[in-house]
Amino acid sequence: GEYYPSNKNGWTSFKLQGVIGIGEK
């Protein structure tokens, strides 16, 4: 009944994005 997790357990996100910033400049 004992168990062991995989080395790949978990969540990952990689985002490649353009950015527009609106402020004083």
mmCIF file of all heavy atoms, coordinates in Angstrom:
data_MODEL
# 
_entry.id   MODEL 
# 
loop_
_atom_site.group_PDB 
_atom_site.id 
_atom_site.type_symbol 
_atom_site.label_atom_id 
_atom_site.label_alt_id 
_atom_site.label_comp_id 
_atom_site.label_asym_id 
_atom_site.label_entity_id 
_atom_site.label_seq_id 
_atom_site.pdbx_PDB_ins_code 
_atom_site.Cartn_x 
_atom_site.Cartn_y 
_atom_site.Cartn_z 
_atom_site.occupancy 
_atom_site.B_iso_or_equiv 
_atom_site.pdbx_formal_charge 
_atom_site.auth_seq_id 
_atom_site.auth_comp_id 
_atom_site.auth_asym_id 
_atom_site.auth_atom_id 
_atom_site.pdbx_PDB_model_num 
ATOM 1   N N   . GLY A 1 1  ? 0.792  -1.225 0.000   1.00 0.00 ? 1  GLY A N   1 
ATOM 2   C CA  . GLY A 1 1  ? 0.000  0.000  0.000   1.00 0.00 ? 1  GLY A CA  1 
ATOM 3   C C   . GLY A 1 1  ? 0.821  1.270  0.000   1.00 0.00 ? 1  GLY A C   1 
ATOM 4   O O   . GLY A 1 1  ? 0.291  2.361  -0.191  1.00 0.00 ? 1  GLY A O   1 
ATOM 5   N N   . GLU A 1 2  ? 2.140  1.168  0.222   1.00 0.00 ? 2  GLU A N   1 
ATOM 6   C CA  . GLU A 1 2  ? 2.992  2.352  0.174   1.00 0.00 ? 2  GLU A CA  1 
ATOM 7   C C   . GLU A 1 2  ? 3.221  2.751  -1.279  1.00 0.00 ? 2  GLU A C   1 
ATOM 8   O O   . GLU A 1 2  ? 3.290  1.895  -2.168  1.00 0.00 ? 2  GLU A O   1 
ATOM 9   C CB  . GLU A 1 2  ? 4.324  2.060  0.866   1.00 0.00 ? 2  GLU A CB  1 
ATOM 10  C CG  . GLU A 1 2  ? 5.172  3.305  1.096   1.00 0.00 ? 2  GLU A CG  1 
ATOM 11  C CD  . GLU A 1 2  ? 6.397  2.992  1.942   1.00 0.00 ? 2  GLU A CD  1 
ATOM 12  O OE1 . GLU A 1 2  ? 6.613  1.800  2.255   1.00 0.00 ? 2  GLU A OE1 1 
ATOM 13  O OE2 . GLU A 1 2  ? 7.128  3.931  2.283   1.00 0.00 ? 2  GLU A OE2 1 
ATOM 14  N N   . TYR A 1 3  ? 3.335  4.053  -1.537  1.00 0.00 ? 3  TYR A N   1 
ATOM 15  C CA  . TYR A 1 3  ? 3.512  4.490  -2.919  1.00 0.00 ? 3  TYR A CA  1 
ATOM 16  C C   . TYR A 1 3  ? 4.568  5.573  -3.009  1.00 0.00 ? 3  TYR A C   1 
ATOM 17  O O   . TYR A 1 3  ? 4.867  6.275  -2.052  1.00 0.00 ? 3  TYR A O   1 
ATOM 18  C CB  . TYR A 1 3  ? 2.188  4.977  -3.512  1.00 0.00 ? 3  TYR A CB  1 
ATOM 19  C CG  . TYR A 1 3  ? 1.583  6.159  -2.802  1.00 0.00 ? 3  TYR A CG  1 
ATOM 20  C CD1 . TYR A 1 3  ? 1.898  7.471  -3.169  1.00 0.00 ? 3  TYR A CD1 1 
ATOM 21  C CD2 . TYR A 1 3  ? 0.681  5.985  -1.754  1.00 0.00 ? 3  TYR A CD2 1 
ATOM 22  C CE1 . TYR A 1 3  ? 1.344  8.559  -2.523  1.00 0.00 ? 3  TYR A CE1 1 
ATOM 23  C CE2 . TYR A 1 3  ? 0.116  7.070  -1.095  1.00 0.00 ? 3  TYR A CE2 1 
ATOM 24  C CZ  . TYR A 1 3  ? 0.452  8.346  -1.493  1.00 0.00 ? 3  TYR A CZ  1 
ATOM 25  O OH  . TYR A 1 3  ? -0.093 9.425  -0.846  1.00 0.00 ? 3  TYR A OH  1 
ATOM 26  N N   . TYR A 1 4  ? 5.130  5.710  -4.223  1.00 0.00 ? 4  TYR A N   1 
ATOM 27  C CA  . TYR A 1 4  ? 6.199  6.665  -4.471  1.00 0.00 ? 4  TYR A CA  1 
ATOM 28  C C   . TYR A 1 4  ? 5.853  7.517  -5.684  1.00 0.00 ? 4  TYR A C   1 
ATOM 29  O O   . TYR A 1 4  ? 5.445  6.992  -6.721  1.00 0.00 ? 4  TYR A O   1 
ATOM 30  C CB  . TYR A 1 4  ? 7.520  5.933  -4.715  1.00 0.00 ? 4  TYR A CB  1 
ATOM 31  C CG  . TYR A 1 4  ? 7.896  4.983  -3.610  1.00 0.00 ? 4  TYR A CG  1 
ATOM 32  C CD1 . TYR A 1 4  ? 7.606  3.623  -3.704  1.00 0.00 ? 4  TYR A CD1 1 
ATOM 33  C CD2 . TYR A 1 4  ? 8.517  5.446  -2.459  1.00 0.00 ? 4  TYR A CD2 1 
ATOM 34  C CE1 . TYR A 1 4  ? 7.945  2.749  -2.686  1.00 0.00 ? 4  TYR A CE1 1 
ATOM 35  C CE2 . TYR A 1 4  ? 8.857  4.582  -1.435  1.00 0.00 ? 4  TYR A CE2 1 
ATOM 36  C CZ  . TYR A 1 4  ? 8.566  3.234  -1.558  1.00 0.00 ? 4  TYR A CZ  1 
ATOM 37  O OH  . TYR A 1 4  ? 8.892  2.369  -0.546  1.00 0.00 ? 4  TYR A OH  1 
ATOM 38  N N   . PRO A 1 5  ? 6.028  8.843  -5.606  1.00 0.00 ? 5  PRO A N   1 
ATOM 39  C CA  . PRO A 1 5  ? 5.693  9.700  -6.740  1.00 0.00 ? 5  PRO A CA  1 
ATOM 40  C C   . PRO A 1 5  ? 6.763  9.663  -7.823  1.00 0.00 ? 5  PRO A C   1 
ATOM 41  O O   . PRO A 1 5  ? 7.935  9.401  -7.567  1.00 0.00 ? 5  PRO A O   1 
ATOM 42  C CB  . PRO A 1 5  ? 5.618  11.095 -6.102  1.00 0.00 ? 5  PRO A CB  1 
ATOM 43  C CG  . PRO A 1 5  ? 6.546  11.020 -4.945  1.00 0.00 ? 5  PRO A CG  1 
ATOM 44  C CD  . PRO A 1 5  ? 6.442  9.613  -4.426  1.00 0.00 ? 5  PRO A CD  1 
ATOM 45  N N   . SER A 1 6  ? 6.351  9.969  -9.042  1.00 0.00 ? 6  SER A N   1 
ATOM 46  C CA  . SER A 1 6  ? 7.272  10.068 -10.162 1.00 0.00 ? 6  SER A CA  1 
ATOM 47  C C   . SER A 1 6  ? 8.114  11.340 -10.051 1.00 0.00 ? 6  SER A C   1 
ATOM 48  O O   . SER A 1 6  ? 7.712  12.317 -9.410  1.00 0.00 ? 6  SER A O   1 
ATOM 49  C CB  . SER A 1 6  ? 6.481  10.088 -11.476 1.00 0.00 ? 6  SER A CB  1 
ATOM 50  O OG  . SER A 1 6  ? 7.241  10.665 -12.510 1.00 0.00 ? 6  SER A OG  1 
ATOM 51  N N   . ASN A 1 7  ? 9.276  11.323 -10.682 1.00 0.00 ? 7  ASN A N   1 
ATOM 52  C CA  . ASN A 1 7  ? 10.126 12.514 -10.682 1.00 0.00 ? 7  ASN A CA  1 
ATOM 53  C C   . ASN A 1 7  ? 9.525  13.642 -11.522 1.00 0.00 ? 7  ASN A C   1 
ATOM 54  O O   . ASN A 1 7  ? 9.968  14.787 -11.436 1.00 0.00 ? 7  ASN A O   1 
ATOM 55  C CB  . ASN A 1 7  ? 11.519 12.178 -11.214 1.00 0.00 ? 7  ASN A CB  1 
ATOM 56  C CG  . ASN A 1 7  ? 11.511 11.814 -12.693 1.00 0.00 ? 7  ASN A CG  1 
ATOM 57  O OD1 . ASN A 1 7  ? 10.671 11.044 -13.146 1.00 0.00 ? 7  ASN A OD1 1 
ATOM 58  N ND2 . ASN A 1 7  ? 12.460 12.337 -13.450 1.00 0.00 ? 7  ASN A ND2 1 
ATOM 59  N N   . LYS A 1 8  ? 8.520  13.363 -12.335 1.00 0.00 ? 8  LYS A N   1 
ATOM 60  C CA  . LYS A 1 8  ? 7.889  14.380 -13.172 1.00 0.00 ? 8  LYS A CA  1 
ATOM 61  C C   . LYS A 1 8  ? 6.592  14.908 -12.565 1.00 0.00 ? 8  LYS A C   1 
ATOM 62  O O   . LYS A 1 8  ? 5.867  15.650 -13.226 1.00 0.00 ? 8  LYS A O   1 
ATOM 63  C CB  . LYS A 1 8  ? 7.634  13.827 -14.580 1.00 0.00 ? 8  LYS A CB  1 
ATOM 64  C CG  . LYS A 1 8  ? 8.899  13.491 -15.345 1.00 0.00 ? 8  LYS A CG  1 
ATOM 65  C CD  . LYS A 1 8  ? 8.580  13.056 -16.768 1.00 0.00 ? 8  LYS A CD  1 
ATOM 66  C CE  . LYS A 1 8  ? 9.851  12.674 -17.509 1.00 0.00 ? 8  LYS A CE  1 
ATOM 67  N NZ  . LYS A 1 8  ? 10.765 13.817 -17.674 1.00 0.00 ? 8  LYS A NZ  1 
ATOM 68  N N   . ASN A 1 9  ? 6.268  14.504 -11.331 1.00 0.00 ? 9  ASN A N   1 
ATOM 69  C CA  . ASN A 1 9  ? 5.032  14.981 -10.712 1.00 0.00 ? 9  ASN A CA  1 
ATOM 70  C C   . ASN A 1 9  ? 5.046  16.497 -10.564 1.00 0.00 ? 9  ASN A C   1 
ATOM 71  O O   . ASN A 1 9  ? 6.017  17.088 -10.105 1.00 0.00 ? 9  ASN A O   1 
ATOM 72  C CB  . ASN A 1 9  ? 4.850  14.351 -9.323  1.00 0.00 ? 9  ASN A CB  1 
ATOM 73  C CG  . ASN A 1 9  ? 4.028  13.088 -9.400  1.00 0.00 ? 9  ASN A CG  1 
ATOM 74  O OD1 . ASN A 1 9  ? 3.721  12.598 -10.488 1.00 0.00 ? 9  ASN A OD1 1 
ATOM 75  N ND2 . ASN A 1 9  ? 3.673  12.539 -8.255  1.00 0.00 ? 9  ASN A ND2 1 
ATOM 76  N N   . GLY A 1 10 ? 3.924  17.106 -10.931 1.00 0.00 ? 10 GLY A N   1 
ATOM 77  C CA  . GLY A 1 10 ? 3.806  18.539 -10.763 1.00 0.00 ? 10 GLY A CA  1 
ATOM 78  C C   . GLY A 1 10 ? 3.267  19.219 -12.010 1.00 0.00 ? 10 GLY A C   1 
ATOM 79  O O   . GLY A 1 10 ? 2.908  18.569 -13.000 1.00 0.00 ? 10 GLY A O   1 
ATOM 80  N N   . TRP A 1 11 ? 3.195  20.555 -11.950 1.00 0.00 ? 11 TRP A N   1 
ATOM 81  C CA  . TRP A 1 11 ? 2.666  21.372 -13.039 1.00 0.00 ? 11 TRP A CA  1 
ATOM 82  C C   . TRP A 1 11 ? 3.720  22.376 -13.485 1.00 0.00 ? 11 TRP A C   1 
ATOM 83  O O   . TRP A 1 11 ? 4.437  22.945 -12.667 1.00 0.00 ? 11 TRP A O   1 
ATOM 84  C CB  . TRP A 1 11 ? 1.420  22.110 -12.559 1.00 0.00 ? 11 TRP A CB  1 
ATOM 85  C CG  . TRP A 1 11 ? 0.874  23.126 -13.524 1.00 0.00 ? 11 TRP A CG  1 
ATOM 86  C CD1 . TRP A 1 11 ? 0.018  22.891 -14.563 1.00 0.00 ? 11 TRP A CD1 1 
ATOM 87  C CD2 . TRP A 1 11 ? 1.139  24.524 -13.542 1.00 0.00 ? 11 TRP A CD2 1 
ATOM 88  N NE1 . TRP A 1 11 ? -0.254 24.069 -15.230 1.00 0.00 ? 11 TRP A NE1 1 
ATOM 89  C CE2 . TRP A 1 11 ? 0.422  25.088 -14.618 1.00 0.00 ? 11 TRP A CE2 1 
ATOM 90  C CE3 . TRP A 1 11 ? 1.923  25.366 -12.745 1.00 0.00 ? 11 TRP A CE3 1 
ATOM 91  C CZ2 . TRP A 1 11 ? 0.456  26.447 -14.922 1.00 0.00 ? 11 TRP A CZ2 1 
ATOM 92  C CZ3 . TRP A 1 11 ? 1.972  26.720 -13.051 1.00 0.00 ? 11 TRP A CZ3 1 
ATOM 93  C CH2 . TRP A 1 11 ? 1.235  27.247 -14.120 1.00 0.00 ? 11 TRP A CH2 1 
ATOM 94  N N   . THR A 1 12 ? 3.839  22.570 -14.799 1.00 0.00 ? 12 THR A N   1 
ATOM 95  C CA  . THR A 1 12 ? 4.802  23.520 -15.347 1.00 0.00 ? 12 THR A CA  1 
ATOM 96  C C   . THR A 1 12 ? 4.152  24.299 -16.480 1.00 0.00 ? 12 THR A C   1 
ATOM 97  O O   . THR A 1 12 ? 3.404  23.742 -17.282 1.00 0.00 ? 12 THR A O   1 
ATOM 98  C CB  . THR A 1 12 ? 6.051  22.799 -15.889 1.00 0.00 ? 12 THR A CB  1 
ATOM 99  O OG1 . THR A 1 12 ? 6.647  22.037 -14.854 1.00 0.00 ? 12 THR A OG1 1 
ATOM 100 C CG2 . THR A 1 12 ? 7.070  23.807 -16.412 1.00 0.00 ? 12 THR A CG2 1 
ATOM 101 N N   . SER A 1 13 ? 4.427  25.597 -16.526 1.00 0.00 ? 13 SER A N   1 
ATOM 102 C CA  . SER A 1 13 ? 3.966  26.448 -17.622 1.00 0.00 ? 13 SER A CA  1 
ATOM 103 C C   . SER A 1 13 ? 5.138  27.288 -18.117 1.00 0.00 ? 13 SER A C   1 
ATOM 104 O O   . SER A 1 13 ? 5.873  27.863 -17.309 1.00 0.00 ? 13 SER A O   1 
ATOM 105 C CB  . SER A 1 13 ? 2.827  27.368 -17.165 1.00 0.00 ? 13 SER A CB  1 
ATOM 106 O OG  . SER A 1 13 ? 2.585  28.389 -18.128 1.00 0.00 ? 13 SER A OG  1 
ATOM 107 N N   . PHE A 1 14 ? 5.299  27.345 -19.437 1.00 0.00 ? 14 PHE A N   1 
ATOM 108 C CA  . PHE A 1 14 ? 6.291  28.236 -20.026 1.00 0.00 ? 14 PHE A CA  1 
ATOM 109 C C   . PHE A 1 14 ? 5.587  29.109 -21.056 1.00 0.00 ? 14 PHE A C   1 
ATOM 110 O O   . PHE A 1 14 ? 5.033  28.607 -22.037 1.00 0.00 ? 14 PHE A O   1 
ATOM 111 C CB  . PHE A 1 14 ? 7.428  27.457 -20.688 1.00 0.00 ? 14 PHE A CB  1 
ATOM 112 C CG  . PHE A 1 14 ? 8.470  28.360 -21.304 1.00 0.00 ? 14 PHE A CG  1 
ATOM 113 C CD1 . PHE A 1 14 ? 9.248  29.177 -20.506 1.00 0.00 ? 14 PHE A CD1 1 
ATOM 114 C CD2 . PHE A 1 14 ? 8.647  28.391 -22.672 1.00 0.00 ? 14 PHE A CD2 1 
ATOM 115 C CE1 . PHE A 1 14 ? 10.195 30.018 -21.063 1.00 0.00 ? 14 PHE A CE1 1 
ATOM 116 C CE2 . PHE A 1 14 ? 9.597  29.233 -23.242 1.00 0.00 ? 14 PHE A CE2 1 
ATOM 117 C CZ  . PHE A 1 14 ? 10.379 30.035 -22.436 1.00 0.00 ? 14 PHE A CZ  1 
ATOM 118 N N   . LYS A 1 15 ? 5.580  30.419 -20.810 1.00 0.00 ? 15 LYS A N   1 
ATOM 119 C CA  . LYS A 1 15 ? 4.886  31.358 -21.688 1.00 0.00 ? 15 LYS A CA  1 
ATOM 120 C C   . LYS A 1 15 ? 5.887  32.243 -22.428 1.00 0.00 ? 15 LYS A C   1 
ATOM 121 O O   . LYS A 1 15 ? 6.821  32.767 -21.814 1.00 0.00 ? 15 LYS A O   1 
ATOM 122 C CB  . LYS A 1 15 ? 3.910  32.232 -20.882 1.00 0.00 ? 15 LYS A CB  1 
ATOM 123 C CG  . LYS A 1 15 ? 2.711  31.471 -20.344 1.00 0.00 ? 15 LYS A CG  1 
ATOM 124 C CD  . LYS A 1 15 ? 1.684  32.380 -19.704 1.00 0.00 ? 15 LYS A CD  1 
ATOM 125 C CE  . LYS A 1 15 ? 2.122  32.852 -18.349 1.00 0.00 ? 15 LYS A CE  1 
ATOM 126 N NZ  . LYS A 1 15 ? 1.049  33.564 -17.625 1.00 0.00 ? 15 LYS A NZ  1 
ATOM 127 N N   . LEU A 1 16 ? 5.675  32.390 -23.732 1.00 0.00 ? 16 LEU A N   1 
ATOM 128 C CA  . LEU A 1 16 ? 6.424  33.318 -24.564 1.00 0.00 ? 16 LEU A CA  1 
ATOM 129 C C   . LEU A 1 16 ? 5.446  34.382 -25.032 1.00 0.00 ? 16 LEU A C   1 
ATOM 130 O O   . LEU A 1 16 ? 4.507  34.083 -25.776 1.00 0.00 ? 16 LEU A O   1 
ATOM 131 C CB  . LEU A 1 16 ? 7.049  32.599 -25.762 1.00 0.00 ? 16 LEU A CB  1 
ATOM 132 C CG  . LEU A 1 16 ? 8.227  31.667 -25.462 1.00 0.00 ? 16 LEU A CG  1 
ATOM 133 C CD1 . LEU A 1 16 ? 8.623  30.897 -26.718 1.00 0.00 ? 16 LEU A CD1 1 
ATOM 134 C CD2 . LEU A 1 16 ? 9.423  32.455 -24.923 1.00 0.00 ? 16 LEU A CD2 1 
ATOM 135 N N   . GLN A 1 17 ? 5.642  35.635 -24.579 1.00 0.00 ? 17 GLN A N   1 
ATOM 136 C CA  . GLN A 1 17 ? 4.643  36.669 -24.805 1.00 0.00 ? 17 GLN A CA  1 
ATOM 137 C C   . GLN A 1 17 ? 5.269  37.999 -25.211 1.00 0.00 ? 17 GLN A C   1 
ATOM 138 O O   . GLN A 1 17 ? 6.363  38.349 -24.757 1.00 0.00 ? 17 GLN A O   1 
ATOM 139 C CB  . GLN A 1 17 ? 3.803  36.877 -23.535 1.00 0.00 ? 17 GLN A CB  1 
ATOM 140 C CG  . GLN A 1 17 ? 2.984  35.662 -23.124 1.00 0.00 ? 17 GLN A CG  1 
ATOM 141 C CD  . GLN A 1 17 ? 2.277  35.871 -21.807 1.00 0.00 ? 17 GLN A CD  1 
ATOM 142 O OE1 . GLN A 1 17 ? 2.910  36.005 -20.779 1.00 0.00 ? 17 GLN A OE1 1 
ATOM 143 N NE2 . GLN A 1 17 ? 0.949  35.912 -21.842 1.00 0.00 ? 17 GLN A NE2 1 
ATOM 144 N N   . GLY A 1 18 ? 4.541  38.732 -26.057 1.00 0.00 ? 18 GLY A N   1 
ATOM 145 C CA  . GLY A 1 18 ? 4.854  40.127 -26.286 1.00 0.00 ? 18 GLY A CA  1 
ATOM 146 C C   . GLY A 1 18 ? 4.268  40.950 -25.162 1.00 0.00 ? 18 GLY A C   1 
ATOM 147 O O   . GLY A 1 18 ? 3.308  40.538 -24.496 1.00 0.00 ? 18 GLY A O   1 
ATOM 148 N N   . VAL A 1 19 ? 4.840  42.133 -24.905 1.00 0.00 ? 19 VAL A N   1 
ATOM 149 C CA  . VAL A 1 19 ? 4.435  42.954 -23.767 1.00 0.00 ? 19 VAL A CA  1 
ATOM 150 C C   . VAL A 1 19 ? 4.179  44.386 -24.229 1.00 0.00 ? 19 VAL A C   1 
ATOM 151 O O   . VAL A 1 19 ? 4.960  44.954 -24.992 1.00 0.00 ? 19 VAL A O   1 
ATOM 152 C CB  . VAL A 1 19 ? 5.530  42.966 -22.664 1.00 0.00 ? 19 VAL A CB  1 
ATOM 153 C CG1 . VAL A 1 19 ? 5.095  43.836 -21.492 1.00 0.00 ? 19 VAL A CG1 1 
ATOM 154 C CG2 . VAL A 1 19 ? 5.828  41.552 -22.193 1.00 0.00 ? 19 VAL A CG2 1 
ATOM 155 N N   . ILE A 1 20 ? 3.069  44.947 -23.765 1.00 0.00 ? 20 ILE A N   1 
ATOM 156 C CA  . ILE A 1 20 ? 2.780  46.368 -23.946 1.00 0.00 ? 20 ILE A CA  1 
ATOM 157 C C   . ILE A 1 20 ? 2.630  46.977 -22.555 1.00 0.00 ? 20 ILE A C   1 
ATOM 158 O O   . ILE A 1 20 ? 1.805  46.517 -21.754 1.00 0.00 ? 20 ILE A O   1 
ATOM 159 C CB  . ILE A 1 20 ? 1.497  46.595 -24.759 1.00 0.00 ? 20 ILE A CB  1 
ATOM 160 C CG1 . ILE A 1 20 ? 1.663  46.054 -26.186 1.00 0.00 ? 20 ILE A CG1 1 
ATOM 161 C CG2 . ILE A 1 20 ? 1.150  48.081 -24.806 1.00 0.00 ? 20 ILE A CG2 1 
ATOM 162 C CD1 . ILE A 1 20 ? 0.401  46.158 -27.018 1.00 0.00 ? 20 ILE A CD1 1 
ATOM 163 N N   . GLY A 1 21 ? 3.428  47.984 -22.249 1.00 0.00 ? 21 GLY A N   1 
ATOM 164 C CA  . GLY A 1 21 ? 3.354  48.665 -20.962 1.00 0.00 ? 21 GLY A CA  1 
ATOM 165 C C   . GLY A 1 21 ? 2.830  50.076 -21.141 1.00 0.00 ? 21 GLY A C   1 
ATOM 166 O O   . GLY A 1 21 ? 3.286  50.809 -22.033 1.00 0.00 ? 21 GLY A O   1 
ATOM 167 N N   . ILE A 1 22 ? 1.862  50.466 -20.331 1.00 0.00 ? 22 ILE A N   1 
ATOM 168 C CA  . ILE A 1 22 ? 1.247  51.796 -20.430 1.00 0.00 ? 22 ILE A CA  1 
ATOM 169 C C   . ILE A 1 22 ? 1.341  52.460 -19.057 1.00 0.00 ? 22 ILE A C   1 
ATOM 170 O O   . ILE A 1 22 ? 0.714  52.035 -18.095 1.00 0.00 ? 22 ILE A O   1 
ATOM 171 C CB  . ILE A 1 22 ? -0.228 51.699 -20.860 1.00 0.00 ? 22 ILE A CB  1 
ATOM 172 C CG1 . ILE A 1 22 ? -0.347 50.912 -22.171 1.00 0.00 ? 22 ILE A CG1 1 
ATOM 173 C CG2 . ILE A 1 22 ? -0.842 53.082 -21.008 1.00 0.00 ? 22 ILE A CG2 1 
ATOM 174 C CD1 . ILE A 1 22 ? -1.771 50.576 -22.555 1.00 0.00 ? 22 ILE A CD1 1 
ATOM 175 N N   . GLY A 1 23 ? 2.170  53.490 -18.972 1.00 0.00 ? 23 GLY A N   1 
ATOM 176 C CA  . GLY A 1 23 ? 2.348  54.220 -17.725 1.00 0.00 ? 23 GLY A CA  1 
ATOM 177 C C   . GLY A 1 23 ? 2.760  55.647 -18.017 1.00 0.00 ? 23 GLY A C   1 
ATOM 178 O O   . GLY A 1 23 ? 2.217  56.285 -18.917 1.00 0.00 ? 23 GLY A O   1 
ATOM 179 N N   . GLU A 1 24 ? 3.728  56.151 -17.278 1.00 0.00 ? 24 GLU A N   1 
ATOM 180 C CA  . GLU A 1 24 ? 4.272  57.471 -17.603 1.00 0.00 ? 24 GLU A CA  1 
ATOM 181 C C   . GLU A 1 24 ? 4.887  57.472 -18.999 1.00 0.00 ? 24 GLU A C   1 
ATOM 182 O O   . GLU A 1 24 ? 4.910  58.487 -19.682 1.00 0.00 ? 24 GLU A O   1 
ATOM 183 C CB  . GLU A 1 24 ? 5.317  57.869 -16.567 1.00 0.00 ? 24 GLU A CB  1 
ATOM 184 C CG  . GLU A 1 24 ? 4.750  58.184 -15.190 1.00 0.00 ? 24 GLU A CG  1 
ATOM 185 C CD  . GLU A 1 24 ? 5.825  58.703 -14.258 1.00 0.00 ? 24 GLU A CD  1 
ATOM 186 O OE1 . GLU A 1 24 ? 6.679  57.882 -13.824 1.00 0.00 ? 24 GLU A OE1 1 
ATOM 187 O OE2 . GLU A 1 24 ? 5.828  59.905 -13.976 1.00 0.00 ? 24 GLU A OE2 1 
ATOM 188 N N   . LYS A 1 25 ? 5.395  56.301 -19.397 1.00 0.00 ? 25 LYS A N   1 
ATOM 189 C CA  . LYS A 1 25 ? 5.953  56.114 -20.730 1.00 0.00 ? 25 LYS A CA  1 
ATOM 190 C C   . LYS A 1 25 ? 5.320  54.875 -21.359 1.00 0.00 ? 25 LYS A C   1 
ATOM 191 O O   . LYS A 1 25 ? 5.045  53.890 -20.678 1.00 0.00 ? 25 LYS A O   1 
ATOM 192 C CB  . LYS A 1 25 ? 7.468  55.946 -20.663 1.00 0.00 ? 25 LYS A CB  1 
ATOM 193 C CG  . LYS A 1 25 ? 8.201  57.118 -20.024 1.00 0.00 ? 25 LYS A CG  1 
ATOM 194 C CD  . LYS A 1 25 ? 9.671  56.799 -19.861 1.00 0.00 ? 25 LYS A CD  1 
ATOM 195 C CE  . LYS A 1 25 ? 10.402 57.931 -19.162 1.00 0.00 ? 25 LYS A CE  1 
ATOM 196 N NZ  . LYS A 1 25 ? 11.840 57.609 -18.954 1.00 0.00 ? 25 LYS A NZ  1 
# 
